[in-house]
Amino acid sequence: MSDTPPDRLSLDPRSPHYDEALISRGVGVRFKGQERTNVVEYCLSEGWIKVVAGKSLDRRGNPLTLTLKGPVEVWFEDVENKTED
C-alpha cells in the first residue's frame, strides 16, 4: 500500500469514496492548521471537509453534515507511528 492518502475519502459505507482498508490504517486530518477528529469526508484537490452538524438528522435518519472549505492536510497515522519509533 502507498504511504500517501487518497485525494478523497469518506467514512460513509454508501459513498463511492469509502475504503475500509484505508480507514482501518487510521487517517489524520488537519484543517486550517487545526487537527480535526470529527471529519466524515474530505477532498484534498477541492479543499473541503464534511463534519457532522451536532445531533441533527436528515429525513432519512442520517446525520446532517456541514461542508467547510479551506486548506486540508491528510496523513496515515500508522506511517506517522513508524517514523516516531
N, C-alpha and C. Protein backbone atom coordinates (compact mmCIF):
# COMPACT_ATOMS: atom_id res chain seq x y z
N MET A 1 0.83 -1.19 0.00
CA MET A 1 0.00 0.00 0.00
C MET A 1 0.87 1.25 0.00
N SER A 2 0.33 2.29 -0.55
CA SER A 2 1.03 3.56 -0.62
C SER A 2 0.99 4.27 0.73
N ASP A 3 1.99 5.11 0.98
CA ASP A 3 2.02 5.90 2.20
C ASP A 3 1.33 7.24 2.02
N THR A 4 0.76 7.48 0.84
CA THR A 4 0.06 8.71 0.55
C THR A 4 -1.44 8.47 0.57
N PRO A 5 -2.19 9.22 1.38
CA PRO A 5 -3.65 9.04 1.42
C PRO A 5 -4.28 9.44 0.08
N PRO A 6 -5.47 8.92 -0.22
CA PRO A 6 -6.15 9.26 -1.47
C PRO A 6 -6.62 10.71 -1.47
N ASP A 7 -6.95 11.21 -2.65
CA ASP A 7 -7.44 12.58 -2.79
C ASP A 7 -8.76 12.77 -2.07
N ARG A 8 -9.58 11.74 -2.05
CA ARG A 8 -10.90 11.85 -1.42
C ARG A 8 -11.21 10.55 -0.69
N LEU A 9 -11.75 10.68 0.52
CA LEU A 9 -12.08 9.50 1.33
C LEU A 9 -13.29 9.82 2.20
N SER A 10 -14.17 8.83 2.36
CA SER A 10 -15.39 9.00 3.15
C SER A 10 -15.52 7.89 4.17
N LEU A 11 -16.14 8.19 5.31
CA LEU A 11 -16.43 7.18 6.33
C LEU A 11 -17.78 6.51 6.12
N ASP A 12 -18.58 7.04 5.19
CA ASP A 12 -19.92 6.52 4.92
C ASP A 12 -19.83 5.32 3.97
N PRO A 13 -20.24 4.12 4.42
CA PRO A 13 -20.15 2.93 3.57
C PRO A 13 -20.96 3.03 2.27
N ARG A 14 -21.93 3.90 2.20
CA ARG A 14 -22.74 4.06 0.99
C ARG A 14 -22.05 4.93 -0.06
N SER A 15 -20.99 5.61 0.31
CA SER A 15 -20.28 6.51 -0.59
C SER A 15 -19.36 5.73 -1.54
N PRO A 16 -19.21 6.20 -2.78
CA PRO A 16 -18.25 5.54 -3.69
C PRO A 16 -16.80 5.80 -3.27
N HIS A 17 -16.56 6.72 -2.35
CA HIS A 17 -15.22 7.06 -1.89
C HIS A 17 -14.86 6.37 -0.57
N TYR A 18 -15.66 5.40 -0.17
CA TYR A 18 -15.43 4.63 1.05
C TYR A 18 -14.43 3.52 0.76
N ASP A 19 -13.43 3.36 1.64
CA ASP A 19 -12.46 2.27 1.52
C ASP A 19 -12.08 1.82 2.92
N GLU A 20 -12.62 0.68 3.33
CA GLU A 20 -12.43 0.20 4.70
C GLU A 20 -10.96 -0.08 5.02
N ALA A 21 -10.20 -0.57 4.05
CA ALA A 21 -8.79 -0.88 4.28
C ALA A 21 -8.00 0.39 4.61
N LEU A 22 -8.28 1.47 3.91
CA LEU A 22 -7.58 2.73 4.18
C LEU A 22 -8.00 3.33 5.52
N ILE A 23 -9.28 3.24 5.83
CA ILE A 23 -9.79 3.80 7.08
C ILE A 23 -9.21 3.04 8.27
N SER A 24 -9.05 1.73 8.13
CA SER A 24 -8.51 0.93 9.24
C SER A 24 -7.05 1.29 9.55
N ARG A 25 -6.34 1.86 8.58
CA ARG A 25 -4.96 2.30 8.82
C ARG A 25 -4.92 3.54 9.73
N GLY A 26 -6.01 4.28 9.79
CA GLY A 26 -6.07 5.49 10.59
C GLY A 26 -5.63 6.68 9.75
N VAL A 27 -6.52 7.63 9.56
CA VAL A 27 -6.25 8.80 8.74
C VAL A 27 -6.36 10.03 9.62
N GLY A 28 -5.32 10.83 9.64
CA GLY A 28 -5.34 12.08 10.39
C GLY A 28 -5.66 13.23 9.44
N VAL A 29 -6.44 14.20 9.92
CA VAL A 29 -6.83 15.34 9.09
C VAL A 29 -6.53 16.63 9.84
N ARG A 30 -5.87 17.55 9.16
CA ARG A 30 -5.63 18.88 9.71
C ARG A 30 -6.32 19.87 8.76
N PHE A 31 -7.22 20.69 9.33
CA PHE A 31 -7.98 21.66 8.55
C PHE A 31 -7.68 23.05 9.09
N LYS A 32 -7.20 23.92 8.23
CA LYS A 32 -6.81 25.28 8.60
C LYS A 32 -5.84 25.29 9.77
N GLY A 33 -4.90 24.33 9.77
CA GLY A 33 -3.87 24.27 10.80
C GLY A 33 -4.29 23.61 12.10
N GLN A 34 -5.53 23.16 12.20
CA GLN A 34 -6.02 22.53 13.43
C GLN A 34 -6.39 21.07 13.15
N GLU A 35 -5.91 20.17 13.99
CA GLU A 35 -6.21 18.75 13.82
C GLU A 35 -7.67 18.50 14.16
N ARG A 36 -8.37 17.80 13.25
CA ARG A 36 -9.80 17.54 13.44
C ARG A 36 -10.04 16.04 13.59
N THR A 37 -10.93 15.68 14.50
CA THR A 37 -11.26 14.27 14.73
C THR A 37 -12.69 13.94 14.34
N ASN A 38 -13.46 14.93 13.92
CA ASN A 38 -14.87 14.71 13.59
C ASN A 38 -15.16 14.78 12.10
N VAL A 39 -14.17 14.53 11.27
CA VAL A 39 -14.33 14.62 9.81
C VAL A 39 -14.99 13.35 9.29
N VAL A 40 -16.03 13.51 8.47
CA VAL A 40 -16.76 12.40 7.87
C VAL A 40 -16.24 12.12 6.46
N GLU A 41 -15.85 13.16 5.74
CA GLU A 41 -15.35 13.02 4.38
C GLU A 41 -14.43 14.21 4.09
N TYR A 42 -13.45 14.00 3.21
CA TYR A 42 -12.56 15.10 2.82
C TYR A 42 -12.22 14.99 1.34
N CYS A 43 -11.79 16.12 0.77
CA CYS A 43 -11.29 16.16 -0.60
C CYS A 43 -10.12 17.12 -0.63
N LEU A 44 -8.93 16.60 -0.92
CA LEU A 44 -7.72 17.43 -0.94
C LEU A 44 -7.71 18.39 -2.13
N SER A 45 -8.03 17.91 -3.33
CA SER A 45 -7.92 18.73 -4.53
C SER A 45 -8.90 19.90 -4.53
N GLU A 46 -10.09 19.70 -3.95
CA GLU A 46 -11.09 20.76 -3.91
C GLU A 46 -11.00 21.58 -2.63
N GLY A 47 -10.26 21.10 -1.61
CA GLY A 47 -10.05 21.85 -0.39
C GLY A 47 -11.27 21.96 0.51
N TRP A 48 -11.90 20.83 0.86
CA TRP A 48 -13.04 20.86 1.77
C TRP A 48 -13.08 19.61 2.63
N ILE A 49 -13.80 19.74 3.75
CA ILE A 49 -14.09 18.61 4.63
C ILE A 49 -15.57 18.64 4.96
N LYS A 50 -16.12 17.50 5.34
CA LYS A 50 -17.50 17.43 5.82
C LYS A 50 -17.45 16.96 7.26
N VAL A 51 -18.17 17.67 8.13
CA VAL A 51 -18.25 17.33 9.54
C VAL A 51 -19.72 17.20 9.95
N VAL A 52 -19.98 16.39 10.97
CA VAL A 52 -21.33 16.19 11.47
C VAL A 52 -21.81 17.45 12.18
N ALA A 53 -23.07 17.84 11.92
CA ALA A 53 -23.66 19.04 12.50
C ALA A 53 -24.45 18.68 13.75
N GLY A 54 -23.75 18.44 14.85
CA GLY A 54 -24.40 18.14 16.12
C GLY A 54 -25.19 16.85 16.08
N LYS A 55 -26.39 16.86 16.69
CA LYS A 55 -27.22 15.66 16.75
C LYS A 55 -28.34 15.69 15.71
N SER A 56 -28.30 16.66 14.80
CA SER A 56 -29.35 16.79 13.79
C SER A 56 -29.32 15.64 12.80
N LEU A 57 -30.52 15.21 12.37
CA LEU A 57 -30.65 14.14 11.40
C LEU A 57 -31.44 14.63 10.20
N ASP A 58 -31.15 14.05 9.03
CA ASP A 58 -31.95 14.39 7.86
C ASP A 58 -33.21 13.53 7.85
N ARG A 59 -34.01 13.64 6.81
CA ARG A 59 -35.30 12.94 6.80
C ARG A 59 -35.15 11.43 6.66
N ARG A 60 -33.97 10.95 6.31
CA ARG A 60 -33.72 9.52 6.21
C ARG A 60 -33.04 8.96 7.46
N GLY A 61 -32.81 9.82 8.45
CA GLY A 61 -32.21 9.38 9.71
C GLY A 61 -30.70 9.41 9.73
N ASN A 62 -30.09 9.98 8.69
CA ASN A 62 -28.63 10.11 8.64
C ASN A 62 -28.20 11.43 9.26
N PRO A 63 -27.02 11.49 9.86
CA PRO A 63 -26.55 12.75 10.44
C PRO A 63 -26.38 13.84 9.38
N LEU A 64 -26.78 15.05 9.72
CA LEU A 64 -26.56 16.18 8.83
C LEU A 64 -25.08 16.55 8.85
N THR A 65 -24.55 16.94 7.70
CA THR A 65 -23.14 17.32 7.62
C THR A 65 -23.01 18.73 7.08
N LEU A 66 -21.95 19.39 7.51
CA LEU A 66 -21.60 20.72 7.01
C LEU A 66 -20.33 20.60 6.19
N THR A 67 -20.26 21.33 5.09
CA THR A 67 -19.05 21.36 4.27
C THR A 67 -18.28 22.62 4.61
N LEU A 68 -17.04 22.44 5.02
CA LEU A 68 -16.16 23.55 5.36
C LEU A 68 -15.05 23.61 4.33
N LYS A 69 -14.76 24.82 3.81
CA LYS A 69 -13.74 24.97 2.78
C LYS A 69 -12.50 25.64 3.34
N GLY A 70 -11.35 25.16 2.90
CA GLY A 70 -10.07 25.71 3.35
C GLY A 70 -8.96 24.71 3.08
N PRO A 71 -7.74 25.03 3.53
CA PRO A 71 -6.61 24.12 3.30
C PRO A 71 -6.74 22.85 4.14
N VAL A 72 -6.53 21.70 3.48
CA VAL A 72 -6.68 20.40 4.11
C VAL A 72 -5.36 19.64 3.99
N GLU A 73 -4.89 19.06 5.11
CA GLU A 73 -3.72 18.18 5.11
C GLU A 73 -4.16 16.83 5.65
N VAL A 74 -3.66 15.76 5.03
CA VAL A 74 -4.07 14.41 5.41
C VAL A 74 -2.85 13.51 5.48
N TRP A 75 -2.85 12.57 6.45
CA TRP A 75 -1.76 11.61 6.58
C TRP A 75 -2.29 10.33 7.18
N PHE A 76 -1.53 9.24 6.96
CA PHE A 76 -1.87 7.97 7.60
C PHE A 76 -1.20 7.92 8.96
N GLU A 77 -1.96 7.57 9.99
CA GLU A 77 -1.42 7.55 11.34
C GLU A 77 -0.46 6.39 11.56
N ASP A 78 -0.63 5.27 10.83
CA ASP A 78 0.31 4.15 11.01
C ASP A 78 1.69 4.49 10.44
N VAL A 79 1.77 5.31 9.42
CA VAL A 79 3.06 5.75 8.88
C VAL A 79 3.72 6.70 9.85
N GLU A 80 2.94 7.60 10.47
CA GLU A 80 3.47 8.55 11.45
C GLU A 80 4.06 7.82 12.64
N ASN A 81 3.40 6.76 13.09
CA ASN A 81 3.90 5.98 14.24
C ASN A 81 5.19 5.27 13.92
N LYS A 82 5.41 4.83 12.70
CA LYS A 82 6.65 4.16 12.32
C LYS A 82 7.83 5.12 12.36
N THR A 83 7.61 6.39 11.98
CA THR A 83 8.71 7.35 11.97
C THR A 83 9.10 7.76 13.40
N GLU A 84 8.17 7.65 14.35
CA GLU A 84 8.47 8.00 15.73
C GLU A 84 9.29 6.93 16.44
N ASP A 85 9.18 5.68 15.99
CA ASP A 85 9.90 4.57 16.63
C ASP A 85 11.39 4.63 16.40
